[in-house]
Amino acid sequence: MPLLQRIHDGLVEGGALIIAEKVLANSARFQELCMVNYYDHKLRAFSADEILKKALDLRGMMDPWEETKLLDALRSAGFGPDDLQPLWRQHGLFGAWLARKGTPTPGHRVPLDRPHPNSV
């Protein structure tokens, strides 16, 4: 994916991307279980009509991937398998991951005030 590649290439060694996405379960059976659980949770704060309206409004706007496809895309962009760390999951439908560029040498710290190589 070109965007992930550009992000990876723009990071300094040891720099990181935090990515949070809505994801699909790896099977239709688990997707249905996750959706039922998520809608039960949403019914605590919203009416069924409000939930349906939002779902209809968002239809066609999002194209979530299975988690494995997202992680494969991050690896293809250059993030190694040891540089990906799950951070958060919710209802089986949402997740966040930390993707770090390379592994800096021990004792190496990336200065926070260092200008980005692509900055003017």
PDB file of N, CA and C in Angstrom:
ATOM      1  N   MET A   1       0.852  -1.175   0.000  1.00  0.00           N
ATOM      2  CA  MET A   1       0.000   0.000   0.000  1.00  0.00           C
ATOM      3  C   MET A   1       0.899   1.240   0.000  1.00  0.00           C
ATOM      4  N   PRO A   2       0.759   2.102  -0.985  1.00  0.00           N
ATOM      5  CA  PRO A   2       1.653   3.253  -1.120  1.00  0.00           C
ATOM      6  C   PRO A   2       1.684   4.181   0.101  1.00  0.00           C
ATOM      7  N   LEU A   3       0.532   4.427   0.732  1.00  0.00           N
ATOM      8  CA  LEU A   3       0.511   5.320   1.894  1.00  0.00           C
ATOM      9  C   LEU A   3       1.341   4.752   3.038  1.00  0.00           C
ATOM     10  N   LEU A   4       1.168   3.479   3.365  1.00  0.00           N
ATOM     11  CA  LEU A   4       1.952   2.868   4.436  1.00  0.00           C
ATOM     12  C   LEU A   4       3.440   2.867   4.092  1.00  0.00           C
ATOM     13  N   GLN A   5       3.762   2.663   2.825  1.00  0.00           N
ATOM     14  CA  GLN A   5       5.162   2.688   2.392  1.00  0.00           C
ATOM     15  C   GLN A   5       5.762   4.074   2.607  1.00  0.00           C
ATOM     16  N   ARG A   6       5.011   5.132   2.247  1.00  0.00           N
ATOM     17  CA  ARG A   6       5.503   6.502   2.424  1.00  0.00           C
ATOM     18  C   ARG A   6       5.679   6.827   3.905  1.00  0.00           C
ATOM     19  N   ILE A   7       4.752   6.359   4.731  1.00  0.00           N
ATOM     20  CA  ILE A   7       4.879   6.593   6.171  1.00  0.00           C
ATOM     21  C   ILE A   7       6.124   5.897   6.699  1.00  0.00           C
ATOM     22  N   HIS A   8       6.293   4.625   6.339  1.00  0.00           N
ATOM     23  CA  HIS A   8       7.470   3.873   6.785  1.00  0.00           C
ATOM     24  C   HIS A   8       8.754   4.575   6.349  1.00  0.00           C
ATOM     25  N   ASP A   9       8.828   4.953   5.081  1.00  0.00           N
ATOM     26  CA  ASP A   9      10.041   5.567   4.545  1.00  0.00           C
ATOM     27  C   ASP A   9      10.326   6.917   5.194  1.00  0.00           C
ATOM     28  N   GLY A  10       9.288   7.614   5.650  1.00  0.00           N
ATOM     29  CA  GLY A  10       9.460   8.921   6.278  1.00  0.00           C
ATOM     30  C   GLY A  10       9.858   8.873   7.741  1.00  0.00           C
ATOM     31  N   LEU A  11       9.760   7.696   8.357  1.00  0.00           N
ATOM     32  CA  LEU A  11      10.140   7.575   9.762  1.00  0.00           C
ATOM     33  C   LEU A  11      11.653   7.475   9.907  1.00  0.00           C
ATOM     34  N   VAL A  12      12.181   8.047  10.982  1.00  0.00           N
ATOM     35  CA  VAL A  12      13.590   7.841  11.307  1.00  0.00           C
ATOM     36  C   VAL A  12      13.720   6.447  11.911  1.00  0.00           C
ATOM     37  N   GLU A  13      14.940   5.901  11.900  1.00  0.00           N
ATOM     38  CA  GLU A  13      15.182   4.589  12.505  1.00  0.00           C
ATOM     39  C   GLU A  13      14.734   4.622  13.965  1.00  0.00           C
ATOM     40  N   GLY A  14      13.915   3.681  14.352  1.00  0.00           N
ATOM     41  CA  GLY A  14      13.380   3.634  15.708  1.00  0.00           C
ATOM     42  C   GLY A  14      12.094   4.421  15.866  1.00  0.00           C
ATOM     43  N   GLY A  15      11.709   5.196  14.823  1.00  0.00           N
ATOM     44  CA  GLY A  15      10.448   5.933  14.854  1.00  0.00           C
ATOM     45  C   GLY A  15       9.276   4.972  14.760  1.00  0.00           C
ATOM     46  N   ALA A  16       8.094   5.437  15.122  1.00  0.00           N
ATOM     47  CA  ALA A  16       6.957   4.513  15.176  1.00  0.00           C
ATOM     48  C   ALA A  16       5.681   5.142  14.649  1.00  0.00           C
ATOM     49  N   LEU A  17       4.823   4.281  14.186  1.00  0.00           N
ATOM     50  CA  LEU A  17       3.475   4.616  13.754  1.00  0.00           C
ATOM     51  C   LEU A  17       2.515   3.894  14.680  1.00  0.00           C
ATOM     52  N   ILE A  18       1.522   4.609  15.182  1.00  0.00           N
ATOM     53  CA  ILE A  18       0.418   3.958  15.901  1.00  0.00           C
ATOM     54  C   ILE A  18      -0.773   4.006  14.957  1.00  0.00           C
ATOM     55  N   ILE A  19      -1.297   2.845  14.631  1.00  0.00           N
ATOM     56  CA  ILE A  19      -2.417   2.757  13.701  1.00  0.00           C
ATOM     57  C   ILE A  19      -3.581   2.075  14.407  1.00  0.00           C
ATOM     58  N   ALA A  20      -4.750   2.695  14.331  1.00  0.00           N
ATOM     59  CA  ALA A  20      -5.964   2.134  14.921  1.00  0.00           C
ATOM     60  C   ALA A  20      -7.000   2.022  13.813  1.00  0.00           C
ATOM     61  N   GLU A  21      -7.590   0.868  13.683  1.00  0.00           N
ATOM     62  CA  GLU A  21      -8.498   0.597  12.572  1.00  0.00           C
ATOM     63  C   GLU A  21      -9.663  -0.275  13.007  1.00  0.00           C
ATOM     64  N   LYS A  22     -10.761  -0.133  12.285  1.00  0.00           N
ATOM     65  CA  LYS A  22     -11.836  -1.106  12.376  1.00  0.00           C
ATOM     66  C   LYS A  22     -11.415  -2.273  11.496  1.00  0.00           C
ATOM     67  N   VAL A  23     -11.516  -3.481  12.009  1.00  0.00           N
ATOM     68  CA  VAL A  23     -11.084  -4.657  11.259  1.00  0.00           C
ATOM     69  C   VAL A  23     -12.210  -5.684  11.182  1.00  0.00           C
ATOM     70  N   LEU A  24     -12.093  -6.553  10.210  1.00  0.00           N
ATOM     71  CA  LEU A  24     -13.030  -7.663  10.070  1.00  0.00           C
ATOM     72  C   LEU A  24     -12.464  -8.888  10.774  1.00  0.00           C
ATOM     73  N   ALA A  25     -13.341  -9.714  11.290  1.00  0.00           N
ATOM     74  CA  ALA A  25     -12.915 -10.996  11.840  1.00  0.00           C
ATOM     75  C   ALA A  25     -12.441 -11.877  10.684  1.00  0.00           C
ATOM     76  N   ASN A  26     -11.696 -12.905  11.007  1.00  0.00           N
ATOM     77  CA  ASN A  26     -11.132 -13.762   9.968  1.00  0.00           C
ATOM     78  C   ASN A  26     -12.130 -14.756   9.383  1.00  0.00           C
ATOM     79  N   SER A  27     -13.354 -14.786   9.922  1.00  0.00           N
ATOM     80  CA  SER A  27     -14.389 -15.645   9.349  1.00  0.00           C
ATOM     81  C   SER A  27     -15.751 -14.981   9.545  1.00  0.00           C
ATOM     82  N   ALA A  28     -16.699 -15.340   8.697  1.00  0.00           N
ATOM     83  CA  ALA A  28     -18.049 -14.775   8.791  1.00  0.00           C
ATOM     84  C   ALA A  28     -18.693 -15.128  10.127  1.00  0.00           C
ATOM     85  N   ARG A  29     -18.434 -16.319  10.623  1.00  0.00           N
ATOM     86  CA  ARG A  29     -19.017 -16.757  11.904  1.00  0.00           C
ATOM     87  C   ARG A  29     -18.548 -15.849  13.042  1.00  0.00           C
ATOM     88  N   PHE A  30     -17.244 -15.591  13.109  1.00  0.00           N
ATOM     89  CA  PHE A  30     -16.732 -14.741  14.175  1.00  0.00           C
ATOM     90  C   PHE A  30     -17.119 -13.281  13.957  1.00  0.00           C
ATOM     91  N   GLN A  31     -17.225 -12.852  12.716  1.00  0.00           N
ATOM     92  CA  GLN A  31     -17.667 -11.482  12.432  1.00  0.00           C
ATOM     93  C   GLN A  31     -19.076 -11.268  12.980  1.00  0.00           C
ATOM     94  N   GLU A  32     -19.942 -12.230  12.768  1.00  0.00           N
ATOM     95  CA  GLU A  32     -21.315 -12.128  13.271  1.00  0.00           C
ATOM     96  C   GLU A  32     -21.343 -12.081  14.803  1.00  0.00           C
ATOM     97  N   LEU A  33     -20.550 -12.928  15.450  1.00  0.00           N
ATOM     98  CA  LEU A  33     -20.488 -12.916  16.917  1.00  0.00           C
ATOM     99  C   LEU A  33     -19.988 -11.567  17.439  1.00  0.00           C
ATOM    100  N   CYS A  34     -18.975 -11.035  16.794  1.00  0.00           N
ATOM    101  CA  CYS A  34     -18.431  -9.741  17.218  1.00  0.00           C
ATOM    102  C   CYS A  34     -19.438  -8.624  17.008  1.00  0.00           C
ATOM    103  N   MET A  35     -20.139  -8.641  15.876  1.00  0.00           N
ATOM    104  CA  MET A  35     -21.131  -7.604  15.589  1.00  0.00           C
ATOM    105  C   MET A  35     -22.289  -7.643  16.585  1.00  0.00           C
ATOM    106  N   VAL A  36     -22.766  -8.825  16.914  1.00  0.00           N
ATOM    107  CA  VAL A  36     -23.853  -8.947  17.893  1.00  0.00           C
ATOM    108  C   VAL A  36     -23.401  -8.380  19.233  1.00  0.00           C
ATOM    109  N   ASN A  37     -22.211  -8.729  19.660  1.00  0.00           N
ATOM    110  CA  ASN A  37     -21.670  -8.217  20.913  1.00  0.00           C
ATOM    111  C   ASN A  37     -21.539  -6.693  20.872  1.00  0.00           C
ATOM    112  N   TYR A  38     -21.045  -6.166  19.758  1.00  0.00           N
ATOM    113  CA  TYR A  38     -20.846  -4.723  19.622  1.00  0.00           C
ATOM    114  C   TYR A  38     -22.190  -3.992  19.626  1.00  0.00           C
ATOM    115  N   TYR A  39     -23.174  -4.500  18.892  1.00  0.00           N
ATOM    116  CA  TYR A  39     -24.483  -3.834  18.875  1.00  0.00           C
ATOM    117  C   TYR A  39     -25.175  -3.921  20.231  1.00  0.00           C
ATOM    118  N   ASP A  40     -25.017  -5.016  20.944  1.00  0.00           N
ATOM    119  CA  ASP A  40     -25.551  -5.091  22.316  1.00  0.00           C
ATOM    120  C   ASP A  40     -24.933  -4.009  23.182  1.00  0.00           C
ATOM    121  N   HIS A  41     -23.641  -3.796  23.018  1.00  0.00           N
ATOM    122  CA  HIS A  41     -22.950  -2.739  23.768  1.00  0.00           C
ATOM    123  C   HIS A  41     -23.486  -1.355  23.386  1.00  0.00           C
ATOM    124  N   LYS A  42     -23.679  -1.103  22.085  1.00  0.00           N
ATOM    125  CA  LYS A  42     -24.152   0.200  21.614  1.00  0.00           C
ATOM    126  C   LYS A  42     -25.587   0.484  22.076  1.00  0.00           C
ATOM    127  N   LEU A  43     -26.377  -0.582  22.260  1.00  0.00           N
ATOM    128  CA  LEU A  43     -27.767  -0.391  22.687  1.00  0.00           C
ATOM    129  C   LEU A  43     -27.872   0.179  24.098  1.00  0.00           C
ATOM    130  N   ARG A  44     -26.783   0.162  24.842  1.00  0.00           N
ATOM    131  CA  ARG A  44     -26.779   0.769  26.176  1.00  0.00           C
ATOM    132  C   ARG A  44     -26.880   2.294  26.092  1.00  0.00           C
ATOM    133  N   ALA A  45     -26.407   2.873  24.978  1.00  0.00           N
ATOM    134  CA  ALA A  45     -26.363   4.323  24.864  1.00  0.00           C
ATOM    135  C   ALA A  45     -27.216   4.884  23.723  1.00  0.00           C
ATOM    136  N   PHE A  46     -27.582   4.037  22.747  1.00  0.00           N
ATOM    137  CA  PHE A  46     -28.296   4.517  21.574  1.00  0.00           C
ATOM    138  C   PHE A  46     -29.504   3.636  21.292  1.00  0.00           C
ATOM    139  N   SER A  47     -30.494   4.218  20.623  1.00  0.00           N
ATOM    140  CA  SER A  47     -31.659   3.431  20.223  1.00  0.00           C
ATOM    141  C   SER A  47     -31.295   2.587  19.003  1.00  0.00           C
ATOM    142  N   ALA A  48     -32.114   1.569  18.763  1.00  0.00           N
ATOM    143  CA  ALA A  48     -31.886   0.716  17.588  1.00  0.00           C
ATOM    144  C   ALA A  48     -31.971   1.540  16.308  1.00  0.00           C
ATOM    145  N   ASP A  49     -32.883   2.525  16.265  1.00  0.00           N
ATOM    146  CA  ASP A  49     -33.008   3.380  15.083  1.00  0.00           C
ATOM    147  C   ASP A  49     -31.745   4.217  14.863  1.00  0.00           C
ATOM    148  N   GLU A  50     -31.163   4.743  15.937  1.00  0.00           N
ATOM    149  CA  GLU A  50     -29.934   5.538  15.816  1.00  0.00           C
ATOM    150  C   GLU A  50     -28.771   4.677  15.315  1.00  0.00           C
ATOM    151  N   ILE A  51     -28.688   3.463  15.832  1.00  0.00           N
ATOM    152  CA  ILE A  51     -27.619   2.548  15.412  1.00  0.00           C
ATOM    153  C   ILE A  51     -27.779   2.207  13.935  1.00  0.00           C
ATOM    154  N   LEU A  52     -29.009   1.897  13.517  1.00  0.00           N
ATOM    155  CA  LEU A  52     -29.263   1.561  12.122  1.00  0.00           C
ATOM    156  C   LEU A  52     -28.965   2.742  11.208  1.00  0.00           C
ATOM    157  N   LYS A  53     -29.376   3.956  11.599  1.00  0.00           N
ATOM    158  CA  LYS A  53     -29.125   5.140  10.776  1.00  0.00           C
ATOM    159  C   LYS A  53     -27.630   5.355  10.584  1.00  0.00           C
ATOM    160  N   LYS A  54     -26.853   5.234  11.657  1.00  0.00           N
ATOM    161  CA  LYS A  54     -25.409   5.430  11.527  1.00  0.00           C
ATOM    162  C   LYS A  54     -24.799   4.348  10.637  1.00  0.00           C
ATOM    163  N   ALA A  55     -25.231   3.103  10.818  1.00  0.00           N
ATOM    164  CA  ALA A  55     -24.709   2.007   9.985  1.00  0.00           C
ATOM    165  C   ALA A  55     -25.011   2.271   8.508  1.00  0.00           C
ATOM    166  N   LEU A  56     -26.209   2.753   8.210  1.00  0.00           N
ATOM    167  CA  LEU A  56     -26.575   3.052   6.824  1.00  0.00           C
ATOM    168  C   LEU A  56     -25.782   4.243   6.292  1.00  0.00           C
ATOM    169  N   ASP A  57     -25.563   5.259   7.141  1.00  0.00           N
ATOM    170  CA  ASP A  57     -24.785   6.428   6.726  1.00  0.00           C
ATOM    171  C   ASP A  57     -23.342   6.056   6.389  1.00  0.00           C
ATOM    172  N   LEU A  58     -22.777   5.111   7.132  1.00  0.00           N
ATOM    173  CA  LEU A  58     -21.382   4.720   6.936  1.00  0.00           C
ATOM    174  C   LEU A  58     -21.188   3.678   5.833  1.00  0.00           C
ATOM    175  N   ARG A  59     -22.275   3.058   5.407  1.00  0.00           N
ATOM    176  CA  ARG A  59     -22.163   2.017   4.388  1.00  0.00           C
ATOM    177  C   ARG A  59     -21.504   2.583   3.135  1.00  0.00           C
ATOM    178  N   GLY A  60     -20.512   1.892   2.660  1.00  0.00           N
ATOM    179  CA  GLY A  60     -19.794   2.325   1.470  1.00  0.00           C
ATOM    180  C   GLY A  60     -18.695   3.340   1.747  1.00  0.00           C
ATOM    181  N   MET A  61     -18.634   3.879   2.969  1.00  0.00           N
ATOM    182  CA  MET A  61     -17.604   4.864   3.313  1.00  0.00           C
ATOM    183  C   MET A  61     -16.350   4.186   3.849  1.00  0.00           C
ATOM    184  N   MET A  62     -16.515   3.026   4.442  1.00  0.00           N
ATOM    185  CA  MET A  62     -15.390   2.322   5.042  1.00  0.00           C
ATOM    186  C   MET A  62     -15.203   0.994   4.325  1.00  0.00           C
ATOM    187  N   ASP A  63     -13.966   0.585   4.220  1.00  0.00           N
ATOM    188  CA  ASP A  63     -13.648  -0.700   3.622  1.00  0.00           C
ATOM    189  C   ASP A  63     -12.673  -1.412   4.554  1.00  0.00           C
ATOM    190  N   PRO A  64     -13.188  -1.897   5.694  1.00  0.00           N
ATOM    191  CA  PRO A  64     -12.261  -2.518   6.657  1.00  0.00           C
ATOM    192  C   PRO A  64     -11.656  -3.804   6.100  1.00  0.00           C
ATOM    193  N   TRP A  65     -10.440  -4.081   6.556  1.00  0.00           N
ATOM    194  CA  TRP A  65      -9.715  -5.297   6.175  1.00  0.00           C
ATOM    195  C   TRP A  65      -9.722  -6.276   7.324  1.00  0.00           C
ATOM    196  N   GLU A  66      -9.444  -7.524   7.008  1.00  0.00           N
ATOM    197  CA  GLU A  66      -9.168  -8.492   8.069  1.00  0.00           C
ATOM    198  C   GLU A  66      -7.853  -8.080   8.717  1.00  0.00           C
ATOM    199  N   GLU A  67      -7.705  -8.385   9.989  1.00  0.00           N
ATOM    200  CA  GLU A  67      -6.485  -8.030  10.708  1.00  0.00           C
ATOM    201  C   GLU A  67      -5.243  -8.576  10.008  1.00  0.00           C
ATOM    202  N   THR A  68      -5.334  -9.799   9.497  1.00  0.00           N
ATOM    203  CA  THR A  68      -4.164 -10.392   8.838  1.00  0.00           C
ATOM    204  C   THR A  68      -3.764  -9.584   7.596  1.00  0.00           C
ATOM    205  N   LYS A  69      -4.735  -9.056   6.861  1.00  0.00           N
ATOM    206  CA  LYS A  69      -4.428  -8.247   5.676  1.00  0.00           C
ATOM    207  C   LYS A  69      -3.749  -6.943   6.081  1.00  0.00           C
ATOM    208  N   LEU A  70      -4.227  -6.318   7.148  1.00  0.00           N
ATOM    209  CA  LEU A  70      -3.611  -5.080   7.628  1.00  0.00           C
ATOM    210  C   LEU A  70      -2.166  -5.323   8.059  1.00  0.00           C
ATOM    211  N   LEU A  71      -1.940  -6.381   8.826  1.00  0.00           N
ATOM    212  CA  LEU A  71      -0.584  -6.686   9.278  1.00  0.00           C
ATOM    213  C   LEU A  71       0.323  -7.049   8.098  1.00  0.00           C
ATOM    214  N   ASP A  72      -0.208  -7.754   7.105  1.00  0.00           N
ATOM    215  CA  ASP A  72       0.565  -8.056   5.896  1.00  0.00           C
ATOM    216  C   ASP A  72       0.945  -6.775   5.162  1.00  0.00           C
ATOM    217  N   ALA A  73       0.025  -5.809   5.103  1.00  0.00           N
ATOM    218  CA  ALA A  73       0.306  -4.536   4.437  1.00  0.00           C
ATOM    219  C   ALA A  73       1.400  -3.767   5.176  1.00  0.00           C
ATOM    220  N   LEU A  74       1.375  -3.810   6.512  1.00  0.00           N
ATOM    221  CA  LEU A  74       2.426  -3.154   7.289  1.00  0.00           C
ATOM    222  C   LEU A  74       3.778  -3.816   7.043  1.00  0.00           C
ATOM    223  N   ARG A  75       3.788  -5.146   6.983  1.00  0.00           N
ATOM    224  CA  ARG A  75       5.043  -5.862   6.699  1.00  0.00           C
ATOM    225  C   ARG A  75       5.548  -5.547   5.287  1.00  0.00           C
ATOM    226  N   SER A  76       4.637  -5.491   4.332  1.00  0.00           N
ATOM    227  CA  SER A  76       5.019  -5.171   2.952  1.00  0.00           C
ATOM    228  C   SER A  76       5.584  -3.757   2.833  1.00  0.00           C
ATOM    229  N   ALA A  77       5.132  -2.859   3.710  1.00  0.00           N
ATOM    230  CA  ALA A  77       5.626  -1.483   3.699  1.00  0.00           C
ATOM    231  C   ALA A  77       7.025  -1.380   4.301  1.00  0.00           C
ATOM    232  N   GLY A  78       7.468  -2.457   4.981  1.00  0.00           N
ATOM    233  CA  GLY A  78       8.823  -2.457   5.522  1.00  0.00           C
ATOM    234  C   GLY A  78       8.926  -2.681   7.014  1.00  0.00           C
ATOM    235  N   PHE A  79       7.786  -2.728   7.715  1.00  0.00           N
ATOM    236  CA  PHE A  79       7.821  -3.002   9.142  1.00  0.00           C
ATOM    237  C   PHE A  79       8.028  -4.502   9.345  1.00  0.00           C
ATOM    238  N   GLY A  80       9.064  -4.877  10.081  1.00  0.00           N
ATOM    239  CA  GLY A  80       9.363  -6.289  10.297  1.00  0.00           C
ATOM    240  C   GLY A  80       8.416  -6.922  11.291  1.00  0.00           C
ATOM    241  N   PRO A  81       8.330  -8.260  11.293  1.00  0.00           N
ATOM    242  CA  PRO A  81       7.421  -8.953  12.210  1.00  0.00           C
ATOM    243  C   PRO A  81       7.728  -8.649  13.682  1.00  0.00           C
ATOM    244  N   ASP A  82       9.000  -8.415  14.005  1.00  0.00           N
ATOM    245  CA  ASP A  82       9.355  -8.093  15.388  1.00  0.00           C
ATOM    246  C   ASP A  82       9.121  -6.624  15.714  1.00  0.00           C
ATOM    247  N   ASP A  83       8.735  -5.830  14.709  1.00  0.00           N
ATOM    248  CA  ASP A  83       8.509  -4.402  14.907  1.00  0.00           C
ATOM    249  C   ASP A  83       7.027  -4.058  15.013  1.00  0.00           C
ATOM    250  N   LEU A  84       6.155  -5.073  15.072  1.00  0.00           N
ATOM    251  CA  LEU A  84       4.711  -4.859  15.186  1.00  0.00           C
ATOM    252  C   LEU A  84       4.234  -5.352  16.543  1.00  0.00           C
ATOM    253  N   GLN A  85       3.527  -4.497  17.258  1.00  0.00           N
ATOM    254  CA  GLN A  85       3.050  -4.839  18.596  1.00  0.00           C
ATOM    255  C   GLN A  85       1.582  -4.458  18.723  1.00  0.00           C
ATOM    256  N   PRO A  86       0.701  -5.417  19.050  1.00  0.00           N
ATOM    257  CA  PRO A  86      -0.696  -5.036  19.292  1.00  0.00           C
ATOM    258  C   PRO A  86      -0.786  -4.188  20.556  1.00  0.00           C
ATOM    259  N   LEU A  87      -1.625  -3.160  20.517  1.00  0.00           N
ATOM    260  CA  LEU A  87      -1.789  -2.269  21.669  1.00  0.00           C
ATOM    261  C   LEU A  87      -3.162  -2.377  22.314  1.00  0.00           C
ATOM    262  N   TRP A  88      -4.187  -2.617  21.495  1.00  0.00           N
ATOM    263  CA  TRP A  88      -5.558  -2.494  22.002  1.00  0.00           C
ATOM    264  C   TRP A  88      -6.519  -3.266  21.105  1.00  0.00           C
ATOM    265  N   ARG A  89      -7.544  -3.845  21.718  1.00  0.00           N
ATOM    266  CA  ARG A  89      -8.634  -4.510  20.978  1.00  0.00           C
ATOM    267  C   ARG A  89      -9.946  -4.157  21.663  1.00  0.00           C
ATOM    268  N   GLN A  90     -11.001  -4.023  20.868  1.00  0.00           N
ATOM    269  CA  GLN A  90     -12.322  -3.778  21.445  1.00  0.00           C
ATOM    270  C   GLN A  90     -13.380  -4.478  20.595  1.00  0.00           C
ATOM    271  N   HIS A  91     -14.168  -5.283  21.248  1.00  0.00           N
ATOM    272  CA  HIS A  91     -15.296  -5.989  20.624  1.00  0.00           C
ATOM    273  C   HIS A  91     -14.884  -6.860  19.445  1.00  0.00           C
ATOM    274  N   GLY A  92     -13.617  -7.137  19.282  1.00  0.00           N
ATOM    275  CA  GLY A  92     -13.148  -7.942  18.162  1.00  0.00           C
ATOM    276  C   GLY A  92     -13.221  -7.227  16.829  1.00  0.00           C
ATOM    277  N   LEU A  93     -13.689  -5.975  16.830  1.00  0.00           N
ATOM    278  CA  LEU A  93     -13.886  -5.234  15.586  1.00  0.00           C
ATOM    279  C   LEU A  93     -12.944  -4.051  15.429  1.00  0.00           C
ATOM    280  N   PHE A  94     -12.270  -3.667  16.486  1.00  0.00           N
ATOM    281  CA  PHE A  94     -11.384  -2.517  16.463  1.00  0.00           C
ATOM    282  C   PHE A  94     -10.054  -2.924  17.068  1.00  0.00           C
ATOM    283  N   GLY A  95      -8.988  -2.368  16.537  1.00  0.00           N
ATOM    284  CA  GLY A  95      -7.680  -2.686  17.086  1.00  0.00           C
ATOM    285  C   GLY A  95      -6.698  -1.568  16.825  1.00  0.00           C
ATOM    286  N   ALA A  96      -5.640  -1.561  17.618  1.00  0.00           N
ATOM    287  CA  ALA A  96      -4.555  -0.603  17.436  1.00  0.00           C
ATOM    288  C   ALA A  96      -3.239  -1.356  17.554  1.00  0.00           C
ATOM    289  N   TRP A  97      -2.272  -0.932  16.738  1.00  0.00           N
ATOM    290  CA  TRP A  97      -0.963  -1.569  16.711  1.00  0.00           C
ATOM    291  C   TRP A  97       0.114  -0.498  16.681  1.00  0.00           C
ATOM    292  N   LEU A  98       1.243  -0.827  17.263  1.00  0.00           N
ATOM    293  CA  LEU A  98       2.436   0.001  17.186  1.00  0.00           C
ATOM    294  C   LEU A  98       3.350  -0.641  16.153  1.00  0.00           C
ATOM    295  N   ALA A  99       3.757   0.129  15.151  1.00  0.00           N
ATOM    296  CA  ALA A  99       4.663  -0.360  14.114  1.00  0.00           C
ATOM    297  C   ALA A  99       5.924   0.498  14.175  1.00  0.00           C
ATOM    298  N   ARG A 100       7.041  -0.112  14.505  1.00  0.00           N
ATOM    299  CA  ARG A 100       8.299   0.623  14.670  1.00  0.00           C
ATOM    300  C   ARG A 100       9.218   0.341  13.491  1.00  0.00           C
ATOM    301  N   LYS A 101       9.892   1.383  13.022  1.00  0.00           N
ATOM    302  CA  LYS A 101      10.812   1.236  11.892  1.00  0.00           C
ATOM    303  C   LYS A 101      12.158   0.763  12.407  1.00  0.00           C
ATOM    304  N   GLY A 102      12.490  -0.461  12.032  1.00  0.00           N
ATOM    305  CA  GLY A 102      13.794  -0.995  12.392  1.00  0.00           C
ATOM    306  C   GLY A 102      13.989  -1.110  13.886  1.00  0.00           C
ATOM    307  N   THR A 103      15.095  -1.657  14.242  1.00  0.00           N
ATOM    308  CA  THR A 103      15.441  -1.796  15.642  1.00  0.00           C
ATOM    309  C   THR A 103      16.740  -1.043  15.856  1.00  0.00           C
ATOM    310  N   PRO A 104      16.677   0.076  16.589  1.00  0.00           N
ATOM    311  CA  PRO A 104      17.909   0.817  16.806  1.00  0.00           C
ATOM    312  C   PRO A 104      18.910  -0.008  17.602  1.00  0.00           C
ATOM    313  N   THR A 105      20.161   0.301  17.451  1.00  0.00           N
ATOM    314  CA  THR A 105      21.192  -0.414  18.185  1.00  0.00           C
ATOM    315  C   THR A 105      21.020  -0.160  19.675  1.00  0.00           C
ATOM    316  N   PRO A 106      21.424  -1.099  20.533  1.00  0.00           N
ATOM    317  CA  PRO A 106      21.263  -0.909  21.975  1.00  0.00           C
ATOM    318  C   PRO A 106      21.920   0.389  22.431  1.00  0.00           C
ATOM    319  N   GLY A 107      21.213   1.101  23.280  1.00  0.00           N
ATOM    320  CA  GLY A 107      21.717   2.356  23.802  1.00  0.00           C
ATOM    321  C   GLY A 107      21.473   3.545  22.888  1.00  0.00           C
ATOM    322  N   HIS A 108      21.019   3.297  21.649  1.00  0.00           N
ATOM    323  CA  HIS A 108      20.763   4.385  20.698  1.00  0.00           C
ATOM    324  C   HIS A 108      19.398   4.985  20.997  1.00  0.00           C
ATOM    325  N   ARG A 109      19.349   6.309  21.094  1.00  0.00           N
ATOM    326  CA  ARG A 109      18.084   7.008  21.304  1.00  0.00           C
ATOM    327  C   ARG A 109      17.883   7.992  20.178  1.00  0.00           C
ATOM    328  N   VAL A 110      16.668   8.081  19.692  1.00  0.00           N
ATOM    329  CA  VAL A 110      16.348   9.057  18.664  1.00  0.00           C
ATOM    330  C   VAL A 110      15.971  10.349  19.374  1.00  0.00           C
ATOM    331  N   PRO A 111      16.727  11.456  19.163  1.00  0.00           N
ATOM    332  CA  PRO A 111      16.398  12.707  19.840  1.00  0.00           C
ATOM    333  C   PRO A 111      15.044  13.221  19.386  1.00  0.00           C
ATOM    334  N   LEU A 112      14.233  13.686  20.333  1.00  0.00           N
ATOM    335  CA  LEU A 112      12.905  14.179  19.998  1.00  0.00           C
ATOM    336  C   LEU A 112      12.962  15.524  19.284  1.00  0.00           C
ATOM    337  N   ASP A 113      14.026  16.302  19.491  1.00  0.00           N
ATOM    338  CA  ASP A 113      14.116  17.618  18.868  1.00  0.00           C
ATOM    339  C   ASP A 113      14.857  17.585  17.528  1.00  0.00           C
ATOM    340  N   ARG A 114      15.235  16.400  17.076  1.00  0.00           N
ATOM    341  CA  ARG A 114      15.946  16.272  15.810  1.00  0.00           C
ATOM    342  C   ARG A 114      14.987  16.536  14.657  1.00  0.00           C
ATOM    343  N   PRO A 115      15.336  17.421  13.728  1.00  0.00           N
ATOM    344  CA  PRO A 115      14.425  17.672  12.608  1.00  0.00           C
ATOM    345  C   PRO A 115      14.301  16.446  11.709  1.00  0.00           C
ATOM    346  N   HIS A 116      13.129  16.261  11.172  1.00  0.00           N
ATOM    347  CA  HIS A 116      12.877  15.171  10.243  1.00  0.00           C
ATOM    348  C   HIS A 116      13.688  15.410   8.983  1.00  0.00           C
ATOM    349  N   PRO A 117      14.306  14.357   8.397  1.00  0.00           N
ATOM    350  CA  PRO A 117      15.143  14.535   7.201  1.00  0.00           C
ATOM    351  C   PRO A 117      14.411  15.185   6.026  1.00  0.00           C
ATOM    352  N   ASN A 118      13.091  15.056   5.958  1.00  0.00           N
ATOM    353  CA  ASN A 118      12.330  15.623   4.841  1.00  0.00           C
ATOM    354  C   ASN A 118      11.800  17.011   5.140  1.00  0.00           C
ATOM    355  N   SER A 119      12.073  17.546   6.343  1.00  0.00           N
ATOM    356  CA  SER A 119      11.545  18.855   6.687  1.00  0.00           C
ATOM    357  C   SER A 119      12.422  19.944   6.090  1.00  0.00           C
ATOM    358  N   VAL A 120      11.838  21.106   5.926  1.00  0.00           N
ATOM    359  CA  VAL A 120      12.569  22.242   5.329  1.00  0.00           C
ATOM    360  C   VAL A 120      13.295  23.002   6.398  1.00  0.00           C
TER     361      VAL A 120
END
